Amino acid sequence: MKLYLLSMGAGVLVGLIYSLINVRSPAPPLIALLGLLGMLGGEQVIPVAKRLLSGTTLSVAWRDAHCASHVFGMLPGRHASQQARRETADTEENRS
């Protein structure tokens, strides 16, 4: 949660500086956010498509490609230890 608050604080600080020097944001906020969302989603198309072509269902393909953790990041309330355990298990699966 601390990381999210720091990120929000940095954004507010940059917005204040833009306001003080009378400069508009480089991109309209909605367009910029939609572009970022599209980039995150687009990165998942190939890994999910490969799994779908191998015969898995969409939900299994999404989970196996770790799309949720990539697109949404570490959501508030989740502990880093859970993520570390998951990554260790994934690494061990890939080795075998």
N, C-alpha and C. Protein backbone atom coordinates (compact mmCIF):
# COMPACT_ATOMS: atom_id res chain seq x y z
N MET A 1 0.83 -1.18 0.00
CA MET A 1 0.00 0.00 0.00
C MET A 1 0.88 1.25 0.00
N LYS A 2 2.01 1.16 0.67
CA LYS A 2 2.92 2.31 0.75
C LYS A 2 3.39 2.72 -0.65
N LEU A 3 3.66 1.72 -1.49
CA LEU A 3 4.12 2.00 -2.85
C LEU A 3 3.06 2.75 -3.65
N TYR A 4 1.80 2.39 -3.46
CA TYR A 4 0.71 3.06 -4.16
C TYR A 4 0.58 4.51 -3.70
N LEU A 5 0.73 4.73 -2.41
CA LEU A 5 0.65 6.10 -1.89
C LEU A 5 1.82 6.94 -2.38
N LEU A 6 3.01 6.35 -2.43
CA LEU A 6 4.17 7.07 -2.96
C LEU A 6 3.98 7.41 -4.44
N SER A 7 3.43 6.48 -5.18
CA SER A 7 3.18 6.71 -6.60
C SER A 7 2.17 7.84 -6.79
N MET A 8 1.10 7.80 -6.01
CA MET A 8 0.09 8.85 -6.09
C MET A 8 0.70 10.20 -5.69
N GLY A 9 1.50 10.21 -4.65
CA GLY A 9 2.15 11.44 -4.21
C GLY A 9 3.07 12.02 -5.28
N ALA A 10 3.81 11.14 -5.95
CA ALA A 10 4.70 11.60 -7.03
C ALA A 10 3.88 12.20 -8.16
N GLY A 11 2.75 11.58 -8.48
CA GLY A 11 1.89 12.11 -9.54
C GLY A 11 1.32 13.47 -9.17
N VAL A 12 0.90 13.61 -7.93
CA VAL A 12 0.36 14.91 -7.47
C VAL A 12 1.46 15.97 -7.52
N LEU A 13 2.67 15.61 -7.09
CA LEU A 13 3.79 16.56 -7.12
C LEU A 13 4.08 17.02 -8.54
N VAL A 14 4.11 16.09 -9.47
CA VAL A 14 4.36 16.46 -10.87
C VAL A 14 3.22 17.34 -11.38
N GLY A 15 1.99 17.02 -11.01
CA GLY A 15 0.85 17.85 -11.42
C GLY A 15 0.96 19.26 -10.86
N LEU A 16 1.39 19.39 -9.62
CA LEU A 16 1.58 20.72 -9.03
C LEU A 16 2.67 21.51 -9.76
N ILE A 17 3.75 20.83 -10.09
CA ILE A 17 4.84 21.51 -10.81
C ILE A 17 4.35 21.96 -12.19
N TYR A 18 3.61 21.09 -12.89
CA TYR A 18 3.05 21.47 -14.19
C TYR A 18 2.16 22.70 -14.04
N SER A 19 1.36 22.71 -13.00
CA SER A 19 0.45 23.83 -12.77
C SER A 19 1.21 25.12 -12.50
N LEU A 20 2.26 25.01 -11.70
CA LEU A 20 3.05 26.20 -11.35
C LEU A 20 3.75 26.81 -12.56
N ILE A 21 4.23 25.98 -13.46
CA ILE A 21 4.92 26.51 -14.63
C ILE A 21 3.98 26.63 -15.83
N ASN A 22 2.68 26.41 -15.58
CA ASN A 22 1.64 26.60 -16.59
C ASN A 22 1.87 25.74 -17.84
N VAL A 23 2.10 24.45 -17.60
CA VAL A 23 2.32 23.49 -18.67
C VAL A 23 1.24 22.42 -18.59
N ARG A 24 0.73 22.02 -19.73
CA ARG A 24 -0.27 20.94 -19.76
C ARG A 24 0.45 19.59 -19.76
N SER A 25 -0.22 18.60 -19.25
CA SER A 25 0.30 17.24 -19.26
C SER A 25 0.55 16.83 -20.70
N PRO A 26 1.61 16.02 -20.96
CA PRO A 26 1.93 15.64 -22.34
C PRO A 26 0.83 14.87 -23.06
N ALA A 27 -0.01 14.18 -22.34
CA ALA A 27 -1.10 13.42 -22.95
C ALA A 27 -2.35 13.56 -22.09
N PRO A 28 -3.50 13.63 -22.72
CA PRO A 28 -4.72 13.65 -21.91
C PRO A 28 -4.76 12.41 -21.02
N PRO A 29 -5.08 12.57 -19.75
CA PRO A 29 -4.99 11.45 -18.81
C PRO A 29 -5.73 10.19 -19.24
N LEU A 30 -6.95 10.31 -19.73
CA LEU A 30 -7.69 9.12 -20.11
C LEU A 30 -7.02 8.39 -21.26
N ILE A 31 -6.55 9.13 -22.23
CA ILE A 31 -5.87 8.51 -23.38
C ILE A 31 -4.59 7.82 -22.92
N ALA A 32 -3.84 8.47 -22.03
CA ALA A 32 -2.60 7.88 -21.54
C ALA A 32 -2.88 6.59 -20.77
N LEU A 33 -3.89 6.61 -19.91
CA LEU A 33 -4.21 5.42 -19.13
C LEU A 33 -4.71 4.28 -20.02
N LEU A 34 -5.51 4.60 -21.01
CA LEU A 34 -5.99 3.57 -21.93
C LEU A 34 -4.84 2.98 -22.74
N GLY A 35 -3.90 3.83 -23.11
CA GLY A 35 -2.72 3.35 -23.82
C GLY A 35 -1.90 2.40 -22.97
N LEU A 36 -1.71 2.74 -21.71
CA LEU A 36 -0.98 1.85 -20.81
C LEU A 36 -1.71 0.53 -20.62
N LEU A 37 -3.01 0.60 -20.45
CA LEU A 37 -3.80 -0.62 -20.30
C LEU A 37 -3.69 -1.49 -21.55
N GLY A 38 -3.74 -0.86 -22.71
CA GLY A 38 -3.58 -1.60 -23.96
C GLY A 38 -2.22 -2.27 -24.07
N MET A 39 -1.18 -1.57 -23.63
CA MET A 39 0.16 -2.16 -23.66
C MET A 39 0.24 -3.38 -22.75
N LEU A 40 -0.28 -3.25 -21.54
CA LEU A 40 -0.25 -4.38 -20.61
C LEU A 40 -1.05 -5.56 -21.15
N GLY A 41 -2.21 -5.28 -21.70
CA GLY A 41 -3.01 -6.35 -22.27
C GLY A 41 -2.37 -6.98 -23.49
N GLY A 42 -1.79 -6.14 -24.34
CA GLY A 42 -1.14 -6.64 -25.55
C GLY A 42 0.03 -7.55 -25.27
N GLU A 43 0.75 -7.28 -24.17
CA GLU A 43 1.88 -8.14 -23.81
C GLU A 43 1.42 -9.56 -23.46
N GLN A 44 0.16 -9.71 -23.13
CA GLN A 44 -0.34 -11.02 -22.70
C GLN A 44 -0.94 -11.84 -23.84
N VAL A 45 -1.14 -11.23 -24.98
CA VAL A 45 -1.80 -11.92 -26.08
C VAL A 45 -1.03 -13.14 -26.54
N ILE A 46 0.25 -13.01 -26.81
CA ILE A 46 1.04 -14.13 -27.34
C ILE A 46 1.15 -15.29 -26.33
N PRO A 47 1.53 -15.03 -25.06
CA PRO A 47 1.61 -16.16 -24.11
C PRO A 47 0.27 -16.88 -23.94
N VAL A 48 -0.83 -16.13 -23.86
CA VAL A 48 -2.14 -16.76 -23.70
C VAL A 48 -2.53 -17.51 -24.98
N ALA A 49 -2.27 -16.92 -26.13
CA ALA A 49 -2.60 -17.57 -27.40
C ALA A 49 -1.84 -18.88 -27.56
N LYS A 50 -0.57 -18.91 -27.17
CA LYS A 50 0.21 -20.15 -27.26
C LYS A 50 -0.42 -21.24 -26.41
N ARG A 51 -0.85 -20.88 -25.21
CA ARG A 51 -1.48 -21.86 -24.33
C ARG A 51 -2.85 -22.29 -24.86
N LEU A 52 -3.59 -21.37 -25.44
CA LEU A 52 -4.88 -21.72 -26.02
C LEU A 52 -4.71 -22.68 -27.19
N LEU A 53 -3.71 -22.43 -28.02
CA LEU A 53 -3.46 -23.31 -29.17
C LEU A 53 -3.02 -24.70 -28.74
N SER A 54 -2.44 -24.80 -27.53
CA SER A 54 -2.03 -26.12 -27.04
C SER A 54 -3.19 -26.88 -26.42
N GLY A 55 -4.39 -26.24 -26.39
CA GLY A 55 -5.59 -26.94 -25.95
C GLY A 55 -6.09 -26.61 -24.56
N THR A 56 -5.53 -25.62 -23.90
CA THR A 56 -6.02 -25.27 -22.57
C THR A 56 -7.18 -24.29 -22.69
N THR A 57 -7.94 -24.17 -21.62
CA THR A 57 -9.04 -23.21 -21.59
C THR A 57 -8.49 -21.81 -21.33
N LEU A 58 -9.31 -20.80 -21.57
CA LEU A 58 -8.88 -19.42 -21.40
C LEU A 58 -8.47 -19.15 -19.96
N SER A 59 -9.25 -19.61 -19.00
CA SER A 59 -8.92 -19.33 -17.60
C SER A 59 -7.61 -19.99 -17.19
N VAL A 60 -7.37 -21.20 -17.66
CA VAL A 60 -6.10 -21.88 -17.34
C VAL A 60 -4.95 -21.19 -18.06
N ALA A 61 -5.16 -20.80 -19.31
CA ALA A 61 -4.11 -20.11 -20.06
C ALA A 61 -3.75 -18.79 -19.39
N TRP A 62 -4.76 -18.05 -18.92
CA TRP A 62 -4.53 -16.77 -18.24
C TRP A 62 -3.71 -17.00 -16.97
N ARG A 63 -4.11 -18.01 -16.18
CA ARG A 63 -3.41 -18.30 -14.93
C ARG A 63 -1.98 -18.76 -15.19
N ASP A 64 -1.80 -19.68 -16.14
CA ASP A 64 -0.47 -20.22 -16.41
C ASP A 64 0.49 -19.18 -16.97
N ALA A 65 -0.04 -18.20 -17.66
CA ALA A 65 0.81 -17.14 -18.22
C ALA A 65 1.09 -16.04 -17.19
N HIS A 66 0.51 -16.17 -15.99
CA HIS A 66 0.69 -15.20 -14.90
C HIS A 66 0.26 -13.79 -15.34
N CYS A 67 -0.81 -13.73 -16.11
CA CYS A 67 -1.29 -12.45 -16.62
C CYS A 67 -1.77 -11.53 -15.52
N ALA A 68 -2.50 -12.06 -14.56
CA ALA A 68 -3.06 -11.20 -13.52
C ALA A 68 -1.97 -10.50 -12.74
N SER A 69 -0.91 -11.22 -12.38
CA SER A 69 0.15 -10.58 -11.61
C SER A 69 0.91 -9.56 -12.46
N HIS A 70 0.99 -9.80 -13.76
CA HIS A 70 1.69 -8.85 -14.63
C HIS A 70 0.85 -7.60 -14.89
N VAL A 71 -0.42 -7.79 -15.17
CA VAL A 71 -1.29 -6.65 -15.50
C VAL A 71 -1.63 -5.83 -14.27
N PHE A 72 -1.96 -6.50 -13.17
CA PHE A 72 -2.41 -5.78 -11.98
C PHE A 72 -1.31 -5.52 -10.97
N GLY A 73 -0.17 -6.15 -11.10
CA GLY A 73 0.92 -5.96 -10.16
C GLY A 73 0.57 -6.54 -8.80
N MET A 74 1.34 -6.17 -7.80
CA MET A 74 1.08 -6.64 -6.44
C MET A 74 -0.03 -5.79 -5.87
N LEU A 75 -1.20 -6.37 -5.75
CA LEU A 75 -2.36 -5.64 -5.25
C LEU A 75 -2.24 -5.40 -3.75
N PRO A 76 -2.82 -4.32 -3.25
CA PRO A 76 -2.75 -4.06 -1.81
C PRO A 76 -3.33 -5.24 -1.03
N GLY A 77 -2.69 -5.56 0.07
CA GLY A 77 -3.14 -6.65 0.91
C GLY A 77 -2.43 -7.96 0.63
N ARG A 78 -1.71 -8.03 -0.45
CA ARG A 78 -0.93 -9.23 -0.73
C ARG A 78 0.47 -9.03 -0.19
N HIS A 79 1.04 -10.10 0.28
CA HIS A 79 2.37 -10.00 0.86
C HIS A 79 3.43 -10.43 -0.15
N ALA A 80 4.59 -9.80 -0.06
CA ALA A 80 5.68 -10.13 -0.97
C ALA A 80 6.10 -11.58 -0.82
N SER A 81 5.96 -12.14 0.38
CA SER A 81 6.35 -13.53 0.59
C SER A 81 5.48 -14.47 -0.24
N GLN A 82 4.20 -14.16 -0.42
CA GLN A 82 3.33 -14.98 -1.25
C GLN A 82 3.83 -14.96 -2.69
N GLN A 83 4.19 -13.79 -3.16
CA GLN A 83 4.70 -13.65 -4.53
C GLN A 83 6.01 -14.41 -4.69
N ALA A 84 6.89 -14.31 -3.71
CA ALA A 84 8.17 -15.00 -3.78
C ALA A 84 7.98 -16.50 -3.80
N ARG A 85 7.05 -17.02 -2.99
CA ARG A 85 6.77 -18.45 -2.98
C ARG A 85 6.23 -18.90 -4.33
N ARG A 86 5.36 -18.11 -4.92
CA ARG A 86 4.77 -18.45 -6.21
C ARG A 86 5.85 -18.48 -7.29
N GLU A 87 6.74 -17.50 -7.28
CA GLU A 87 7.80 -17.45 -8.29
C GLU A 87 8.77 -18.61 -8.13
N THR A 88 9.07 -18.99 -6.88
CA THR A 88 9.96 -20.12 -6.64
C THR A 88 9.32 -21.41 -7.15
N ALA A 89 8.05 -21.59 -6.91
CA ALA A 89 7.34 -22.79 -7.39
C ALA A 89 7.33 -22.81 -8.91
N ASP A 90 7.12 -21.65 -9.54
CA ASP A 90 7.10 -21.58 -11.01
C ASP A 90 8.46 -21.94 -11.59
N THR A 91 9.52 -21.46 -10.96
CA THR A 91 10.88 -21.75 -11.43
C THR A 91 11.16 -23.23 -11.33
N GLU A 92 10.73 -23.85 -10.23
CA GLU A 92 10.94 -25.29 -10.06
C GLU A 92 10.15 -26.08 -11.09
N GLU A 93 8.94 -25.64 -11.43
CA GLU A 93 8.13 -26.33 -12.45
C GLU A 93 8.79 -26.24 -13.81
N ASN A 94 9.37 -25.08 -14.13
CA ASN A 94 10.01 -24.89 -15.43
C ASN A 94 11.26 -25.74 -15.59
N ARG A 95 11.93 -26.03 -14.48
CA ARG A 95 13.16 -26.84 -14.53
C ARG A 95 12.85 -28.29 -14.83
N SER A 96 11.68 -28.75 -14.38
CA SER A 96 11.38 -30.18 -14.58
C SER A 96 10.69 -30.47 -15.87
